[in-house]
Amino acid sequence: MTRLLKGAAGKPSLWKRITDWALTDVGVLVKGVDEASLESLEEILLGADFGVPATLQLTQHVEALIRAGRLRSQKDVLEAVANEIRALLCAHEADTALRYADPPPTVFLFAGVNGVGKTTTIGKLAYRLRRAGRTPLLAAADTFRAGAIDQLRVWADRVHAGFVSARPGGDPAAVAFDAVDAARSRGADVVLVDTAGRLHTQNDLMQELQKVERVLAKKTDGAPHETLLVLDATIGQNAIAQARVFSQALRISGFVLAKLDSTAKGGIIVALTQEFGIPVKLVGTGEDVKDLETFDAGRFADEVLTES
């Protein structure tokens, strides 16, 4: 099974950085609350993209245990940090399953900024769905770029999925509307709607995306059944800024973290779930068509809390 966190060469893992901290700071810390030592822990967690709320929660938890006299050794402190990280990572584990409509078709709407890996994620998910015995149909509602339509068509051919598109410059909402009709007529049970990559500051394009969501809701009950925001795991707190704007415009049901294999940090998952209460549902773990996995918080916690 692919490691979720591979990290850049030469970069120490989060847990290695925490254990190094413990070797130098815990001896002082367990004798009483030492602000400098706690600040060092905060810096490590912020550097790993945990975000301010989660970082404060974790360090305050450690501080409270120290004040209560429950942490008396390096081992005690490391166990307390590990347990709290695991609790934060696993907080939304029960919500990670994708939701499917009964009766079909199910509609998944994908959103995200330019270049985040949205179309590739859709292709990989279509492959997973085919392997699971489902019949996906890919809808090219990114009509802003002709190249985007062609890219999704290549993915549809590659994974043997249905495909619906329009001419460049066409109405994205009309493509989504037609895709649901096509799914019903062709017997496809899952529609994957690609949308134009847009900067989260482009209000006109955000309104266009809202129109796609509204049209789908009118077209079939409960649609879109998942609205998935694709984020780049390597950009740290910028992903939080993107999620804030998209979650104000759309009813985001889950995050997809692309390129998770390219970071040794991983705290962005904690930051996202802490701020939004929205689970990470899928993670990209490489460039191969098979490298998309359902997010497993327990497994991810195990990897975060190992040396390499």
Protein backbone atom coordinates (compact mmCIF):
# COMPACT_ATOMS: atom_id res chain seq x y z
CA MET A 1 0.00 0.00 0.00
CA THR A 2 1.30 3.47 -0.92
CA ARG A 3 2.51 5.66 1.91
CA LEU A 4 0.30 8.72 2.17
CA LEU A 5 3.16 10.93 3.33
CA LYS A 6 6.36 10.43 1.39
CA GLY A 7 7.78 13.90 1.85
CA ALA A 8 10.63 15.66 0.15
CA ALA A 9 14.06 14.10 0.26
CA GLY A 10 16.08 15.22 3.27
CA LYS A 11 13.08 16.64 5.13
CA PRO A 12 12.57 15.14 8.61
CA SER A 13 9.12 13.80 9.41
CA LEU A 14 6.86 15.66 11.79
CA TRP A 15 7.37 13.01 14.44
CA LYS A 16 11.16 13.20 14.05
CA ARG A 17 10.98 16.94 14.65
CA ILE A 18 8.82 16.42 17.74
CA THR A 19 11.14 13.77 19.19
CA ASP A 20 14.13 16.03 18.55
CA TRP A 21 12.28 18.77 20.41
CA ALA A 22 11.56 16.39 23.27
CA LEU A 23 15.25 15.51 23.61
CA THR A 24 16.19 19.15 24.19
CA ASP A 25 13.11 20.69 25.83
CA VAL A 26 11.20 18.06 27.80
CA GLY A 27 13.73 17.83 30.61
CA VAL A 28 12.97 21.46 31.40
CA LEU A 29 9.27 21.18 30.64
CA VAL A 30 8.43 18.35 33.06
CA LYS A 31 9.93 20.29 35.98
CA GLY A 32 7.27 22.93 35.44
CA VAL A 33 5.55 24.84 32.66
CA ASP A 34 8.26 26.38 30.49
CA GLU A 35 6.90 28.91 27.99
CA ALA A 36 9.94 28.74 25.71
CA SER A 37 9.61 24.95 25.38
CA LEU A 38 5.91 25.21 24.60
CA GLU A 39 6.61 27.89 22.02
CA SER A 40 9.11 25.55 20.37
CA LEU A 41 6.40 22.90 20.10
CA GLU A 42 4.01 25.49 18.67
CA GLU A 43 6.55 26.43 16.00
CA ILE A 44 6.93 22.79 14.95
CA LEU A 45 3.17 22.30 14.62
CA LEU A 46 2.61 25.58 12.78
CA GLY A 47 5.46 24.67 10.44
CA ALA A 48 3.67 21.40 9.72
CA ASP A 49 0.51 23.32 8.69
CA PHE A 50 -1.61 22.38 11.72
CA GLY A 51 -2.96 25.92 11.84
CA VAL A 52 -3.38 28.16 14.86
CA PRO A 53 -6.54 26.64 16.46
CA ALA A 54 -5.26 23.05 16.41
CA THR A 55 -1.78 24.10 17.48
CA LEU A 56 -3.13 26.01 20.47
CA GLN A 57 -5.42 23.12 21.39
CA LEU A 58 -2.54 20.66 21.39
CA THR A 59 -0.06 22.79 23.29
CA GLN A 60 -2.69 23.83 25.84
CA HIS A 61 -3.53 20.16 26.35
CA VAL A 62 0.14 19.37 27.04
CA GLU A 63 0.41 22.37 29.36
CA ALA A 64 -2.68 21.29 31.32
CA LEU A 65 -1.28 17.78 31.81
CA ILE A 66 2.01 19.21 33.03
CA ARG A 67 0.26 21.50 35.51
CA ALA A 68 -1.71 18.50 36.77
CA GLY A 69 1.55 16.63 37.35
CA ARG A 70 0.65 13.87 34.89
CA LEU A 71 3.69 14.24 32.62
CA ARG A 72 6.93 13.33 34.36
CA SER A 73 9.21 12.09 31.60
CA GLN A 74 10.07 12.46 27.94
CA LYS A 75 8.04 9.33 27.23
CA ASP A 76 4.98 10.79 28.98
CA VAL A 77 5.17 14.00 26.95
CA LEU A 78 5.62 12.19 23.64
CA GLU A 79 2.67 9.92 24.37
CA ALA A 80 0.50 12.93 25.26
CA VAL A 81 1.45 14.73 22.04
CA ALA A 82 0.90 11.59 19.95
CA ASN A 83 -2.49 10.89 21.51
CA GLU A 84 -3.70 14.45 20.92
CA ILE A 85 -2.47 14.47 17.30
CA ARG A 86 -4.26 11.17 16.71
CA ALA A 87 -7.46 12.54 18.26
CA LEU A 88 -7.33 15.64 16.05
CA LEU A 89 -6.67 13.61 12.90
CA CYS A 90 -9.43 11.10 13.61
CA ALA A 91 -12.08 13.63 14.67
CA HIS A 92 -14.08 13.32 11.41
CA GLU A 93 -13.14 9.80 10.37
CA ALA A 94 -16.76 8.56 10.31
CA ASP A 95 -17.68 11.02 7.54
CA THR A 96 -15.13 10.03 4.91
CA ALA A 97 -17.31 7.70 2.80
CA LEU A 98 -18.64 9.08 -0.49
CA ARG A 99 -22.43 9.31 -0.65
CA TYR A 100 -24.35 7.67 -3.49
CA ALA A 101 -27.91 8.31 -4.65
CA ASP A 102 -30.61 5.67 -4.60
CA PRO A 103 -31.87 5.52 -7.28
CA PRO A 104 -28.97 6.63 -9.49
CA PRO A 105 -27.49 8.62 -11.03
CA THR A 106 -25.25 10.01 -8.34
CA VAL A 107 -23.73 13.42 -9.15
CA PHE A 108 -20.32 14.52 -7.86
CA LEU A 109 -19.40 18.17 -8.47
CA PHE A 110 -15.70 19.10 -8.36
CA ALA A 111 -14.35 22.58 -7.65
CA GLY A 112 -10.94 24.14 -7.05
CA VAL A 113 -8.44 26.73 -8.24
CA ASN A 114 -6.37 26.53 -11.40
CA GLY A 115 -3.79 23.77 -11.60
CA VAL A 116 -4.74 21.99 -8.40
CA GLY A 117 -5.24 18.59 -10.07
CA LYS A 118 -9.01 18.56 -10.32
CA THR A 119 -9.30 16.88 -13.72
CA THR A 120 -6.67 14.29 -12.84
CA THR A 121 -8.54 13.54 -9.61
CA ILE A 122 -11.75 13.01 -11.58
CA GLY A 123 -9.98 10.60 -13.94
CA LYS A 124 -8.52 8.64 -11.03
CA LEU A 125 -11.88 8.48 -9.27
CA ALA A 126 -13.56 7.27 -12.46
CA TYR A 127 -10.97 4.49 -12.59
CA ARG A 128 -11.77 3.54 -8.98
CA LEU A 129 -15.48 3.55 -9.73
CA ARG A 130 -15.02 1.29 -12.75
CA ARG A 131 -12.96 -1.11 -10.63
CA ALA A 132 -15.81 -1.13 -8.09
CA GLY A 133 -18.33 -2.12 -10.76
CA ARG A 134 -19.89 1.30 -11.27
CA THR A 135 -20.42 3.09 -14.58
CA PRO A 136 -19.09 6.65 -14.46
CA LEU A 137 -19.74 9.46 -16.90
CA LEU A 138 -17.41 12.47 -17.07
CA ALA A 139 -18.93 15.89 -17.75
CA ALA A 140 -16.62 18.60 -19.11
CA ALA A 141 -18.26 21.66 -17.57
CA ASP A 142 -14.95 23.49 -17.80
CA THR A 143 -15.81 25.22 -21.06
CA PHE A 144 -13.43 28.09 -20.36
CA ARG A 145 -10.45 26.27 -21.93
CA ALA A 146 -10.62 23.99 -24.96
CA GLY A 147 -7.63 22.13 -23.56
CA ALA A 148 -9.58 21.24 -20.43
CA ILE A 149 -12.28 19.54 -22.49
CA ASP A 150 -9.67 17.57 -24.39
CA GLN A 151 -7.86 16.60 -21.19
CA LEU A 152 -11.04 15.19 -19.64
CA ARG A 153 -11.90 13.38 -22.88
CA VAL A 154 -8.49 11.67 -22.75
CA TRP A 155 -9.20 10.55 -19.19
CA ALA A 156 -12.64 9.24 -20.21
CA ASP A 157 -11.10 7.18 -23.00
CA ARG A 158 -8.32 5.96 -20.72
CA VAL A 159 -10.64 4.63 -18.01
CA HIS A 160 -13.47 3.61 -20.38
CA ALA A 161 -15.99 6.08 -19.00
CA GLY A 162 -18.79 7.98 -20.69
CA PHE A 163 -18.19 11.58 -21.70
CA VAL A 164 -20.29 14.72 -22.25
CA SER A 165 -19.03 18.13 -23.32
CA ALA A 166 -19.92 21.32 -25.16
CA ARG A 167 -18.07 23.70 -27.39
CA PRO A 168 -15.53 25.99 -25.71
CA GLY A 169 -17.32 28.99 -24.29
CA GLY A 170 -20.57 27.09 -23.77
CA ASP A 171 -22.71 27.26 -20.64
CA PRO A 172 -21.17 25.02 -17.92
CA ALA A 173 -24.55 24.57 -16.23
CA ALA A 174 -26.02 23.29 -19.51
CA VAL A 175 -23.24 20.70 -19.74
CA ALA A 176 -24.03 19.49 -16.21
CA PHE A 177 -27.76 19.38 -17.05
CA ASP A 178 -27.14 17.37 -20.23
CA ALA A 179 -24.77 15.03 -18.42
CA VAL A 180 -27.51 13.87 -16.05
CA ASP A 181 -29.81 13.16 -19.01
CA ALA A 182 -26.98 11.32 -20.76
CA ALA A 183 -26.31 9.23 -17.67
CA ARG A 184 -29.94 8.15 -17.52
CA SER A 185 -30.11 7.29 -21.20
CA ARG A 186 -26.76 5.45 -21.24
CA GLY A 187 -27.17 3.63 -17.93
CA ALA A 188 -24.33 5.45 -16.17
CA ASP A 189 -24.76 5.54 -12.41
CA VAL A 190 -22.23 8.24 -11.38
CA VAL A 191 -21.75 11.64 -13.05
CA LEU A 192 -18.44 13.39 -12.33
CA VAL A 193 -18.73 17.10 -13.18
CA ASP A 194 -15.47 18.94 -13.88
CA THR A 195 -15.56 22.73 -13.56
CA ALA A 196 -13.25 25.49 -14.65
CA GLY A 197 -10.30 26.12 -12.40
CA ARG A 198 -10.74 29.55 -10.95
CA LEU A 199 -9.01 31.79 -8.51
CA HIS A 200 -11.06 32.03 -5.33
CA THR A 201 -11.06 35.83 -5.81
CA GLN A 202 -12.90 35.68 -9.17
CA ASN A 203 -16.47 36.48 -8.12
CA ASP A 204 -18.00 36.14 -11.58
CA LEU A 205 -16.63 32.62 -11.98
CA MET A 206 -17.73 31.71 -8.47
CA GLN A 207 -21.26 32.78 -9.41
CA GLU A 208 -21.05 30.59 -12.50
CA LEU A 209 -20.12 27.67 -10.25
CA GLN A 210 -23.10 28.40 -8.01
CA LYS A 211 -25.33 28.26 -11.09
CA VAL A 212 -24.02 24.77 -11.90
CA GLU A 213 -24.88 23.69 -8.36
CA ARG A 214 -28.40 25.15 -8.60
CA VAL A 215 -29.10 23.53 -11.97
CA LEU A 216 -28.01 20.13 -10.70
CA ALA A 217 -30.21 20.51 -7.60
CA LYS A 218 -33.24 21.18 -9.82
CA LYS A 219 -32.36 18.38 -12.24
CA THR A 220 -32.28 15.49 -9.77
CA ASP A 221 -33.15 15.03 -6.11
CA GLY A 222 -30.29 15.59 -3.71
CA ALA A 223 -27.79 16.62 -6.38
CA PRO A 224 -24.98 17.30 -6.22
CA HIS A 225 -24.68 14.38 -3.83
CA GLU A 226 -21.07 15.32 -3.17
CA THR A 227 -19.49 18.70 -3.77
CA LEU A 228 -15.77 18.05 -3.50
CA LEU A 229 -13.22 20.83 -3.19
CA VAL A 230 -9.83 19.76 -4.54
CA LEU A 231 -6.87 21.33 -2.73
CA ASP A 232 -3.12 21.07 -3.17
CA ALA A 233 -1.66 19.55 0.02
CA THR A 234 1.69 21.22 -0.57
CA ILE A 235 0.51 24.84 -0.33
CA GLY A 236 -0.17 24.84 3.41
CA GLN A 237 -2.31 27.63 4.82
CA ASN A 238 -3.18 28.93 1.33
CA ALA A 239 -5.45 25.90 1.12
CA ILE A 240 -7.36 27.23 4.14
CA ALA A 241 -7.89 30.58 2.41
CA GLN A 242 -9.20 28.80 -0.69
CA ALA A 243 -11.51 26.59 1.36
CA ARG A 244 -12.98 29.62 3.16
CA VAL A 245 -14.07 31.27 -0.09
CA PHE A 246 -15.34 28.13 -1.80
CA SER A 247 -17.27 27.03 1.30
CA GLN A 248 -19.04 30.39 1.35
CA ALA A 249 -20.15 29.90 -2.26
CA LEU A 250 -20.91 26.17 -2.29
CA ARG A 251 -22.16 23.45 0.06
CA ILE A 252 -18.83 21.65 0.26
CA SER A 253 -19.31 18.09 1.52
CA GLY A 254 -15.70 16.94 1.42
CA PHE A 255 -12.14 17.87 0.61
CA VAL A 256 -9.80 16.08 -1.79
CA LEU A 257 -6.12 16.62 -1.02
CA ALA A 258 -4.05 16.23 -4.18
CA LYS A 259 -0.27 15.74 -3.97
CA LEU A 260 -0.34 14.53 -0.37
CA ASP A 261 2.58 12.27 -1.25
CA SER A 262 4.70 15.36 -1.97
CA THR A 263 4.65 16.77 1.56
CA ALA A 264 6.16 15.64 4.85
CA LYS A 265 3.82 17.89 6.83
CA GLY A 266 0.24 16.67 6.74
CA GLY A 267 -1.07 19.02 9.41
CA ILE A 268 -3.24 20.72 6.79
CA ILE A 269 -5.74 17.88 7.28
CA VAL A 270 -6.11 18.85 10.93
CA ALA A 271 -6.38 22.55 10.08
CA LEU A 272 -9.11 21.91 7.49
CA THR A 273 -11.26 19.67 9.69
CA GLN A 274 -10.80 21.92 12.71
CA GLU A 275 -11.92 25.09 10.94
CA PHE A 276 -14.65 23.75 8.68
CA GLY A 277 -15.86 20.49 10.23
CA ILE A 278 -15.74 19.07 6.70
CA PRO A 279 -13.91 15.76 6.24
CA VAL A 280 -11.07 14.97 3.87
CA LYS A 281 -12.60 12.20 1.75
CA LEU A 282 -9.95 11.42 -0.85
CA VAL A 283 -6.18 11.89 -1.09
CA GLY A 284 -3.84 11.81 -4.07
CA THR A 285 -0.78 9.67 -3.37
CA GLY A 286 1.11 9.73 -6.67
CA GLU A 287 0.88 10.18 -10.42
CA ASP A 288 -0.43 6.75 -11.41
CA VAL A 289 -4.11 6.23 -12.20
CA LYS A 290 -4.35 4.03 -9.11
CA ASP A 291 -2.94 6.71 -6.81
CA LEU A 292 -6.16 8.01 -5.30
CA GLU A 293 -7.29 6.64 -1.96
CA THR A 294 -10.14 7.03 0.48
CA PHE A 295 -8.75 8.98 3.40
CA ASP A 296 -8.10 6.77 6.42
CA ALA A 297 -7.49 8.97 9.46
CA GLY A 298 -6.12 6.14 11.61
CA ARG A 299 -3.61 5.08 8.99
CA PHE A 300 -2.63 8.68 8.35
CA ALA A 301 -2.08 9.24 12.07
CA ASP A 302 0.17 6.17 12.16
CA GLU A 303 2.28 7.62 9.35
CA VAL A 304 2.47 11.06 10.94
CA LEU A 305 3.63 9.48 14.19
CA THR A 306 6.43 7.38 12.72
CA GLU A 307 10.06 8.36 12.31
CA SER A 308 10.35 8.24 8.52
